[in-house]
Amino acid sequence: MRPDQIQQIAGWLAATDIALLELRGPGHTLLLRHDGAAVERITPGDEAPIDVPAAPDPLTVSAPSLGVFLHRHPLRAEALAAAGSAVQAGQVLGLLQIGPLLLPVAAPADACVIELLADDGAVVGYGTPLMVLQLDTPA
């Protein structure tokens, strides 16, 4: 690989948040490390291990009060948050019906709904697990 090509690739790498770039071709390997400030070429075998942050533990959303848990609004056909759907902080995941009152159960953070624990129409008490969320990892 020519030096001008390596410089161009290093420039592209500097504009990203990629920490280590490895390019392999017939008979050669190019390793570039980006530490956030500079890009340097390293020889194979000298690369430091890169810490990959672990995914956060799943979060269980619990009932804030007693009532009847609803997956959807009574006037709508679609669920507020189905399993596998992405939700944003503050988005309504379900409703807790207490007499004529519908109390929203909101997502505490940006996440993905992994599992619905309470059935639609289930009578729940304070602290009853309603659903499990996988929090989004920060970019």
C-alpha atoms as a PDB file:
ATOM      1  CA  MET A   1       0.000   0.000   0.000  1.00  0.00           C
ATOM      2  CA  ARG A   2       1.348   3.417  -0.924  1.00  0.00           C
ATOM      3  CA  PRO A   3       2.084   6.041   1.762  1.00  0.00           C
ATOM      4  CA  ASP A   4      -0.425   8.502   0.250  1.00  0.00           C
ATOM      5  CA  GLN A   5      -3.151   5.832   0.488  1.00  0.00           C
ATOM      6  CA  ILE A   6      -2.274   5.195   4.139  1.00  0.00           C
ATOM      7  CA  GLN A   7      -2.431   8.953   4.847  1.00  0.00           C
ATOM      8  CA  GLN A   8      -5.854   9.176   3.209  1.00  0.00           C
ATOM      9  CA  ILE A   9      -7.195   6.230   5.230  1.00  0.00           C
ATOM     10  CA  ALA A  10      -5.704   7.734   8.420  1.00  0.00           C
ATOM     11  CA  GLY A  11      -7.536  10.995   7.651  1.00  0.00           C
ATOM     12  CA  TRP A  12     -10.808   9.156   7.243  1.00  0.00           C
ATOM     13  CA  LEU A  13     -10.206   7.247  10.497  1.00  0.00           C
ATOM     14  CA  ALA A  14      -9.517  10.500  12.376  1.00  0.00           C
ATOM     15  CA  ALA A  15     -13.053  11.662  11.545  1.00  0.00           C
ATOM     16  CA  THR A  16     -14.629   8.636  13.271  1.00  0.00           C
ATOM     17  CA  ASP A  17     -14.810   7.147  16.747  1.00  0.00           C
ATOM     18  CA  ILE A  18     -13.227   3.879  15.587  1.00  0.00           C
ATOM     19  CA  ALA A  19     -10.332   2.976  17.880  1.00  0.00           C
ATOM     20  CA  LEU A  20      -8.565   0.297  15.800  1.00  0.00           C
ATOM     21  CA  LEU A  21      -8.676  -0.342  12.059  1.00  0.00           C
ATOM     22  CA  GLU A  22      -7.174  -3.447  10.501  1.00  0.00           C
ATOM     23  CA  LEU A  23      -6.956  -3.871   6.739  1.00  0.00           C
ATOM     24  CA  ARG A  24      -5.652  -7.086   5.240  1.00  0.00           C
ATOM     25  CA  GLY A  25      -4.677  -7.783   1.683  1.00  0.00           C
ATOM     26  CA  PRO A  26      -2.584 -10.331  -0.149  1.00  0.00           C
ATOM     27  CA  GLY A  27       0.806 -10.245   1.562  1.00  0.00           C
ATOM     28  CA  HIS A  28       0.241  -7.228   3.847  1.00  0.00           C
ATOM     29  CA  THR A  29      -1.656  -5.997   6.896  1.00  0.00           C
ATOM     30  CA  LEU A  30      -2.248  -2.382   7.883  1.00  0.00           C
ATOM     31  CA  LEU A  31      -3.127  -1.523  11.486  1.00  0.00           C
ATOM     32  CA  LEU A  32      -4.090   1.998  12.495  1.00  0.00           C
ATOM     33  CA  ARG A  33      -4.909   3.091  16.045  1.00  0.00           C
ATOM     34  CA  HIS A  34      -7.013   6.183  16.733  1.00  0.00           C
ATOM     35  CA  ASP A  35      -6.852   7.410  20.338  1.00  0.00           C
ATOM     36  CA  GLY A  36      -9.240  10.331  19.828  1.00  0.00           C
ATOM     37  CA  ALA A  37      -6.432  12.829  19.227  1.00  0.00           C
ATOM     38  CA  ALA A  38      -4.139  11.193  16.668  1.00  0.00           C
ATOM     39  CA  VAL A  39      -3.939   8.236  14.319  1.00  0.00           C
ATOM     40  CA  GLU A  40      -0.808   6.110  14.396  1.00  0.00           C
ATOM     41  CA  ARG A  41       0.327   3.114  12.390  1.00  0.00           C
ATOM     42  CA  ILE A  42       1.203   0.090  14.512  1.00  0.00           C
ATOM     43  CA  THR A  43       2.845  -3.192  13.724  1.00  0.00           C
ATOM     44  CA  PRO A  44       0.805  -6.395  13.991  1.00  0.00           C
ATOM     45  CA  GLY A  45       0.956  -7.860  17.495  1.00  0.00           C
ATOM     46  CA  ASP A  46       1.491  -4.476  19.208  1.00  0.00           C
ATOM     47  CA  GLU A  47      -2.180  -3.516  19.363  1.00  0.00           C
ATOM     48  CA  ALA A  48      -3.557  -3.057  22.858  1.00  0.00           C
ATOM     49  CA  PRO A  49      -6.795  -4.805  23.720  1.00  0.00           C
ATOM     50  CA  ILE A  50      -9.800  -2.572  23.262  1.00  0.00           C
ATOM     51  CA  ASP A  51     -12.364  -2.501  26.034  1.00  0.00           C
ATOM     52  CA  VAL A  52     -15.821  -3.019  24.601  1.00  0.00           C
ATOM     53  CA  PRO A  53     -18.432  -1.773  27.025  1.00  0.00           C
ATOM     54  CA  ALA A  54     -20.803  -4.486  28.136  1.00  0.00           C
ATOM     55  CA  ALA A  55     -24.464  -4.086  27.357  1.00  0.00           C
ATOM     56  CA  PRO A  56     -26.337  -2.727  30.335  1.00  0.00           C
ATOM     57  CA  ASP A  57     -28.410  -5.163  32.356  1.00  0.00           C
ATOM     58  CA  PRO A  58     -32.060  -5.431  31.345  1.00  0.00           C
ATOM     59  CA  LEU A  59     -34.431  -3.164  33.262  1.00  0.00           C
ATOM     60  CA  THR A  60     -37.767  -4.344  34.611  1.00  0.00           C
ATOM     61  CA  VAL A  61     -40.578  -1.788  34.513  1.00  0.00           C
ATOM     62  CA  SER A  62     -42.931  -2.253  37.452  1.00  0.00           C
ATOM     63  CA  ALA A  63     -46.448  -1.089  38.201  1.00  0.00           C
ATOM     64  CA  PRO A  64     -46.509   2.285  39.976  1.00  0.00           C
ATOM     65  CA  SER A  65     -49.835   1.429  41.622  1.00  0.00           C
ATOM     66  CA  LEU A  66     -52.491  -1.244  41.735  1.00  0.00           C
ATOM     67  CA  GLY A  67     -54.922  -1.534  38.844  1.00  0.00           C
ATOM     68  CA  VAL A  68     -55.554  -3.303  35.564  1.00  0.00           C
ATOM     69  CA  PHE A  69     -52.621  -3.236  33.147  1.00  0.00           C
ATOM     70  CA  LEU A  70     -53.509  -2.476  29.534  1.00  0.00           C
ATOM     71  CA  HIS A  71     -51.185  -2.975  26.568  1.00  0.00           C
ATOM     72  CA  ARG A  72     -53.238  -0.583  24.455  1.00  0.00           C
ATOM     73  CA  HIS A  73     -55.551   2.379  24.893  1.00  0.00           C
ATOM     74  CA  PRO A  74     -59.209   1.229  24.986  1.00  0.00           C
ATOM     75  CA  LEU A  75     -59.997   3.342  21.901  1.00  0.00           C
ATOM     76  CA  ARG A  76     -57.112   1.998  19.793  1.00  0.00           C
ATOM     77  CA  ALA A  77     -56.371  -1.393  18.239  1.00  0.00           C
ATOM     78  CA  GLU A  78     -52.553  -1.298  18.313  1.00  0.00           C
ATOM     79  CA  ALA A  79     -50.385  -1.969  21.352  1.00  0.00           C
ATOM     80  CA  LEU A  80     -48.514   0.977  22.842  1.00  0.00           C
ATOM     81  CA  ALA A  81     -45.246  -0.991  23.032  1.00  0.00           C
ATOM     82  CA  ALA A  82     -44.973  -4.484  21.563  1.00  0.00           C
ATOM     83  CA  ALA A  83     -42.166  -6.922  22.307  1.00  0.00           C
ATOM     84  CA  GLY A  84     -39.189  -6.113  20.087  1.00  0.00           C
ATOM     85  CA  SER A  85     -40.123  -2.471  19.584  1.00  0.00           C
ATOM     86  CA  ALA A  86     -37.776   0.426  20.262  1.00  0.00           C
ATOM     87  CA  VAL A  87     -39.031   3.017  22.746  1.00  0.00           C
ATOM     88  CA  GLN A  88     -37.775   6.417  23.809  1.00  0.00           C
ATOM     89  CA  ALA A  89     -37.519   7.875  27.293  1.00  0.00           C
ATOM     90  CA  GLY A  90     -40.943   9.067  28.408  1.00  0.00           C
ATOM     91  CA  GLN A  91     -42.834   7.068  25.780  1.00  0.00           C
ATOM     92  CA  VAL A  92     -45.965   5.383  27.108  1.00  0.00           C
ATOM     93  CA  LEU A  93     -45.461   1.613  27.351  1.00  0.00           C
ATOM     94  CA  GLY A  94     -48.879   0.721  28.714  1.00  0.00           C
ATOM     95  CA  LEU A  95     -51.714   2.026  30.837  1.00  0.00           C
ATOM     96  CA  LEU A  96     -52.745   1.232  34.371  1.00  0.00           C
ATOM     97  CA  GLN A  97     -56.514   1.472  34.723  1.00  0.00           C
ATOM     98  CA  ILE A  98     -57.663   2.492  38.182  1.00  0.00           C
ATOM     99  CA  GLY A  99     -61.452   2.819  38.000  1.00  0.00           C
ATOM    100  CA  PRO A 100     -62.118   5.368  35.238  1.00  0.00           C
ATOM    101  CA  LEU A 101     -58.535   6.728  35.432  1.00  0.00           C
ATOM    102  CA  LEU A 102     -55.880   5.618  32.911  1.00  0.00           C
ATOM    103  CA  LEU A 103     -52.393   6.133  34.397  1.00  0.00           C
ATOM    104  CA  PRO A 104     -49.566   5.991  31.814  1.00  0.00           C
ATOM    105  CA  VAL A 105     -46.595   3.714  32.460  1.00  0.00           C
ATOM    106  CA  ALA A 106     -43.644   5.402  30.733  1.00  0.00           C
ATOM    107  CA  ALA A 107     -40.213   4.195  29.589  1.00  0.00           C
ATOM    108  CA  PRO A 108     -37.494   5.440  31.950  1.00  0.00           C
ATOM    109  CA  ALA A 109     -34.908   5.628  29.133  1.00  0.00           C
ATOM    110  CA  ASP A 110     -34.321   4.857  25.454  1.00  0.00           C
ATOM    111  CA  ALA A 111     -34.597   1.091  25.178  1.00  0.00           C
ATOM    112  CA  CYS A 112     -35.962  -1.944  23.364  1.00  0.00           C
ATOM    113  CA  VAL A 113     -38.885  -3.935  24.763  1.00  0.00           C
ATOM    114  CA  ILE A 114     -37.594  -7.466  25.346  1.00  0.00           C
ATOM    115  CA  GLU A 115     -40.535  -9.140  27.030  1.00  0.00           C
ATOM    116  CA  LEU A 116     -44.045  -8.379  28.212  1.00  0.00           C
ATOM    117  CA  LEU A 117     -44.495  -9.898  31.672  1.00  0.00           C
ATOM    118  CA  ALA A 118     -48.060  -8.858  32.488  1.00  0.00           C
ATOM    119  CA  ASP A 119     -50.929  -9.936  30.268  1.00  0.00           C
ATOM    120  CA  ASP A 120     -53.277  -7.368  28.791  1.00  0.00           C
ATOM    121  CA  GLY A 121     -56.094  -6.857  31.306  1.00  0.00           C
ATOM    122  CA  ALA A 122     -54.161  -8.430  34.190  1.00  0.00           C
ATOM    123  CA  VAL A 123     -54.863  -7.130  37.685  1.00  0.00           C
ATOM    124  CA  VAL A 124     -51.543  -5.959  39.113  1.00  0.00           C
ATOM    125  CA  GLY A 125     -50.369  -4.588  42.426  1.00  0.00           C
ATOM    126  CA  TYR A 126     -47.783  -1.986  43.298  1.00  0.00           C
ATOM    127  CA  GLY A 127     -44.349  -3.181  42.105  1.00  0.00           C
ATOM    128  CA  THR A 128     -45.664  -5.982  39.880  1.00  0.00           C
ATOM    129  CA  PRO A 129     -43.190  -6.490  36.987  1.00  0.00           C
ATOM    130  CA  LEU A 130     -44.875  -5.396  33.744  1.00  0.00           C
ATOM    131  CA  MET A 131     -42.173  -5.637  31.079  1.00  0.00           C
ATOM    132  CA  VAL A 132     -38.431  -5.989  30.549  1.00  0.00           C
ATOM    133  CA  LEU A 133     -36.409  -3.401  28.613  1.00  0.00           C
ATOM    134  CA  GLN A 134     -32.886  -3.574  27.215  1.00  0.00           C
ATOM    135  CA  LEU A 135     -31.389  -0.126  27.599  1.00  0.00           C
ATOM    136  CA  ASP A 136     -29.687   1.385  24.571  1.00  0.00           C
ATOM    137  CA  THR A 137     -25.926   1.584  24.847  1.00  0.00           C
ATOM    138  CA  PRO A 138     -24.487   5.071  24.530  1.00  0.00           C
ATOM    139  CA  ALA A 139     -22.786   5.789  21.220  1.00  0.00           C
END
